[in-house]
């Protein structure tokens, strides 16, 4: 697991606690931790061959981002969210994605379109395989790419906080039927972007996300 920390060029410039925080977030998104699970500092430190101090700081960063919470006499656990919480985050995510798509205007050229196509292909593979967790992860990768193309740091910060929370929710609540309803809309958004139809892509976003609450 230590390769996660040291062998990824995208982590250049990140502090060790920031790298560890992303490692823990990845485990949450993969379903290794679910809401209510305790995160044990010693275990994470052992997995990553590091001391407990940076792990403790990583958990603090996650607490600030509202991903985990510290409970008296229990320790740090993955935060649970109410139905109302999820509704609020989902409505915020609709706005964030639409803003990001606005910012991608005139940025869909051969290179970004090719990457978009590859990410959609990965989503499609998970869909055809009936891999629900894999589909959620690949779909998150696709929407994250919208923000990478938008290239707005402030917008991305809000997105990353919300996307982790909604991913944890999806792992608990999504069914195969949710995926079957979600996928055509994701394909339509991508198709519109490939054709540089930003407004049309934005118009699909509310239905894409709000139907996951049903």
Protein backbone atom coordinates (compact mmCIF):
# COMPACT_ATOMS: atom_id res chain seq x y z
CA UNK A 1 0.00 0.00 0.00
CA UNK A 2 2.93 2.35 0.43
CA UNK A 3 3.13 2.64 -3.38
CA UNK A 4 -0.04 4.72 -3.14
CA UNK A 5 1.95 7.37 -1.35
CA UNK A 6 5.15 7.50 -3.30
CA UNK A 7 4.68 6.23 -6.84
CA UNK A 8 1.96 8.51 -8.22
CA UNK A 9 3.23 11.61 -9.97
CA UNK A 10 -0.08 13.36 -9.39
CA UNK A 11 0.80 13.51 -5.71
CA UNK A 12 3.79 15.77 -6.30
CA UNK A 13 3.62 18.71 -3.92
CA UNK A 14 1.06 17.14 -1.58
CA UNK A 15 1.94 16.74 2.07
CA UNK A 16 2.01 13.26 3.59
CA UNK A 17 -1.22 13.85 5.56
CA UNK A 18 -2.94 14.99 2.35
CA UNK A 19 -1.81 11.82 0.58
CA UNK A 20 -3.02 9.69 3.47
CA UNK A 21 -6.35 11.52 3.52
CA UNK A 22 -6.84 10.66 -0.16
CA UNK A 23 -5.90 7.06 0.55
CA UNK A 24 -8.58 6.85 3.25
CA UNK A 25 -11.09 8.56 0.95
CA UNK A 26 -10.36 5.99 -1.72
CA UNK A 27 -11.05 3.18 0.74
CA UNK A 28 -14.34 4.85 1.67
CA UNK A 29 -15.31 5.20 -1.98
CA UNK A 30 -14.41 1.57 -2.68
CA UNK A 31 -16.66 0.47 0.17
CA UNK A 32 -13.87 -0.75 2.45
CA UNK A 33 -15.34 1.62 5.03
CA UNK A 34 -19.05 2.38 5.28
CA UNK A 35 -20.90 5.02 7.33
CA UNK A 36 -20.44 4.35 11.04
CA UNK A 37 -17.22 2.33 10.62
CA UNK A 38 -14.36 3.28 12.92
CA UNK A 39 -11.08 4.24 11.26
CA UNK A 40 -8.19 2.98 13.36
CA UNK A 41 -5.05 5.10 13.19
CA UNK A 42 -2.72 2.21 13.95
CA UNK A 43 -4.16 0.11 11.12
CA UNK A 44 -3.79 2.86 8.52
CA UNK A 45 -0.27 3.64 9.73
CA UNK A 46 0.68 -0.04 9.44
CA UNK A 47 -0.81 -0.33 5.94
CA UNK A 48 1.14 2.70 4.74
CA UNK A 49 4.31 2.01 6.72
CA UNK A 50 4.22 5.40 8.40
CA UNK A 51 3.78 6.80 11.91
CA UNK A 52 0.45 7.62 13.51
CA UNK A 53 1.05 11.39 13.53
CA UNK A 54 0.41 12.03 9.81
CA UNK A 55 -2.55 9.62 9.92
CA UNK A 56 -4.03 11.61 12.80
CA UNK A 57 -3.56 14.82 10.79
CA UNK A 58 -5.13 13.17 7.72
CA UNK A 59 -8.19 12.26 9.76
CA UNK A 60 -8.40 15.85 10.94
CA UNK A 61 -8.40 17.02 7.29
CA UNK A 62 -11.22 14.60 6.54
CA UNK A 63 -13.12 15.84 9.57
CA UNK A 64 -12.82 19.42 8.33
CA UNK A 65 -14.20 18.28 4.96
CA UNK A 66 -17.16 16.64 6.72
CA UNK A 67 -16.25 13.12 5.61
CA UNK A 68 -15.53 11.68 9.06
CA UNK A 69 -16.47 12.70 12.57
CA UNK A 70 -14.89 12.21 15.96
CA UNK A 71 -17.20 10.63 18.53
CA UNK A 72 -16.44 10.71 22.24
CA UNK A 73 -15.17 7.35 23.53
CA UNK A 74 -15.45 5.79 20.08
CA UNK A 75 -12.89 7.60 17.98
CA UNK A 76 -13.05 8.66 14.35
CA UNK A 77 -15.80 7.13 12.22
CA UNK A 78 -17.07 7.56 8.67
CA UNK A 79 -19.84 10.09 8.96
CA UNK A 80 -23.44 9.06 8.42
CA UNK A 81 -25.76 11.43 6.59
CA UNK A 82 -29.49 11.90 6.82
CA UNK A 83 -31.79 11.78 3.80
CA UNK A 84 -32.10 15.56 4.01
CA UNK A 85 -28.30 15.92 4.03
CA UNK A 86 -28.03 13.87 0.85
CA UNK A 87 -30.77 15.87 -0.85
CA UNK A 88 -28.94 19.11 -0.05
CA UNK A 89 -25.60 17.80 -1.32
CA UNK A 90 -27.25 16.44 -4.47
CA UNK A 91 -28.84 19.79 -5.31
CA UNK A 92 -25.48 21.49 -4.71
CA UNK A 93 -23.77 18.95 -6.97
CA UNK A 94 -26.22 19.74 -9.78
CA UNK A 95 -25.16 23.38 -9.64
CA UNK A 96 -21.47 22.55 -9.38
CA UNK A 97 -21.49 20.30 -12.42
CA UNK A 98 -23.46 22.82 -14.46
CA UNK A 99 -20.99 25.55 -13.50
CA UNK A 100 -18.09 23.30 -14.43
CA UNK A 101 -19.64 22.52 -17.81
CA UNK A 102 -20.04 26.25 -18.46
CA UNK A 103 -16.33 26.67 -17.78
CA UNK A 104 -15.43 23.92 -20.26
CA UNK A 105 -16.88 25.92 -23.14
CA UNK A 106 -14.32 26.09 -25.99
CA UNK A 107 -12.12 23.55 -24.20
CA UNK A 108 -13.42 20.44 -25.91
CA UNK A 109 -10.78 19.78 -28.54
CA UNK A 110 -9.26 16.57 -29.91
CA UNK A 111 -7.22 15.77 -26.80
CA UNK A 112 -9.92 16.41 -24.19
CA UNK A 113 -12.53 14.68 -26.33
CA UNK A 114 -10.33 11.61 -26.63
CA UNK A 115 -9.87 11.45 -22.85
CA UNK A 116 -13.62 11.95 -22.39
CA UNK A 117 -14.28 9.06 -24.77
CA UNK A 118 -11.87 6.79 -22.90
CA UNK A 119 -13.50 7.59 -19.58
CA UNK A 120 -16.96 6.92 -21.00
CA UNK A 121 -15.72 3.59 -22.38
CA UNK A 122 -14.58 2.62 -18.88
CA UNK A 123 -18.02 3.54 -17.53
CA UNK A 124 -19.66 1.52 -20.30
CA UNK A 125 -17.54 -1.55 -19.50
CA UNK A 126 -18.56 -1.45 -15.85
CA UNK A 127 -22.20 -0.99 -16.87
CA UNK A 128 -22.19 -3.96 -19.24
CA UNK A 129 -20.46 -6.08 -16.59
CA UNK A 130 -23.15 -5.19 -14.05
CA UNK A 131 -20.40 -4.00 -11.71
CA UNK A 132 -22.31 -1.52 -9.53
CA UNK A 133 -19.40 -0.36 -7.36
CA UNK A 134 -17.07 -0.22 -10.36
CA UNK A 135 -19.68 1.76 -12.25
CA UNK A 136 -19.96 4.29 -9.43
CA UNK A 137 -16.18 4.72 -9.34
CA UNK A 138 -15.84 5.09 -13.12
CA UNK A 139 -18.77 7.52 -13.29
CA UNK A 140 -17.12 9.63 -10.60
CA UNK A 141 -13.95 9.59 -12.69
CA UNK A 142 -15.94 10.86 -15.66
CA UNK A 143 -17.61 13.72 -13.81
CA UNK A 144 -14.31 14.60 -12.15
CA UNK A 145 -12.85 15.07 -15.62
CA UNK A 146 -15.40 17.84 -16.27
CA UNK A 147 -13.82 19.74 -13.38
CA UNK A 148 -10.30 19.02 -14.60
CA UNK A 149 -11.19 20.54 -17.96
CA UNK A 150 -12.91 23.49 -16.25
CA UNK A 151 -9.68 24.03 -14.28
CA UNK A 152 -11.13 26.16 -11.49
CA UNK A 153 -9.55 25.40 -8.10
CA UNK A 154 -12.30 26.91 -5.97
CA UNK A 155 -15.02 25.03 -7.83
CA UNK A 156 -13.06 21.78 -7.63
CA UNK A 157 -12.67 22.11 -3.87
CA UNK A 158 -16.44 22.23 -3.36
CA UNK A 159 -16.89 19.39 -5.83
CA UNK A 160 -14.45 17.04 -4.10
CA UNK A 161 -16.11 17.50 -0.72
CA UNK A 162 -19.55 16.78 -2.15
CA UNK A 163 -18.56 13.92 -4.43
CA UNK A 164 -17.08 11.82 -1.63
CA UNK A 165 -20.22 12.22 0.44
CA UNK A 166 -22.48 11.33 -2.47
CA UNK A 167 -20.30 8.35 -3.38
CA UNK A 168 -20.64 6.94 0.13
CA UNK A 169 -24.40 7.45 -0.17
CA UNK A 170 -24.43 5.68 -3.54
CA UNK A 171 -22.63 2.64 -2.16
CA UNK A 172 -25.34 2.23 0.44
CA UNK A 173 -28.45 3.20 -1.54
CA UNK A 174 -27.84 2.57 -5.24
CA UNK A 175 -29.38 -0.50 -6.89
CA UNK A 176 -28.98 -1.97 -10.36
CA UNK A 177 -32.13 -0.08 -11.32
CA UNK A 178 -30.49 3.20 -10.24
CA UNK A 179 -27.54 2.44 -12.50
CA UNK A 180 -29.82 1.51 -15.41
CA UNK A 181 -31.62 4.86 -15.16
CA UNK A 182 -28.42 6.85 -14.60
CA UNK A 183 -26.36 5.45 -17.47
CA UNK A 184 -28.31 6.73 -20.51
CA UNK A 185 -28.23 10.26 -19.13
CA UNK A 186 -24.49 10.06 -18.50
CA UNK A 187 -24.01 8.94 -22.10
CA UNK A 188 -26.19 11.80 -23.32
CA UNK A 189 -24.18 14.40 -21.40
CA UNK A 190 -20.99 13.00 -22.88
CA UNK A 191 -22.45 12.95 -26.39
CA UNK A 192 -23.45 16.59 -26.08
CA UNK A 193 -19.98 17.55 -24.89
CA UNK A 194 -18.38 15.68 -27.77
CA UNK A 195 -20.55 17.84 -30.05
CA UNK A 196 -19.70 21.00 -28.07
CA UNK A 197 -23.33 21.38 -26.98
CA UNK A 198 -22.70 22.76 -23.50
CA UNK A 199 -26.22 24.02 -22.83
CA UNK A 200 -27.76 20.71 -23.83
CA UNK A 201 -25.32 18.85 -21.59
CA UNK A 202 -26.18 21.12 -18.65
CA UNK A 203 -29.89 20.54 -19.17
CA UNK A 204 -29.47 16.80 -18.53
CA UNK A 205 -27.65 17.20 -15.20
CA UNK A 206 -30.68 17.75 -12.89
CA UNK A 207 -32.40 14.56 -14.06
CA UNK A 208 -29.11 12.66 -13.91
CA UNK A 209 -28.60 13.36 -10.21
CA UNK A 210 -32.02 14.04 -8.74
CA UNK A 211 -33.41 10.72 -9.95
CA UNK A 212 -30.82 8.92 -7.80
CA UNK A 213 -32.75 10.15 -4.76
CA UNK A 214 -35.88 8.24 -5.74
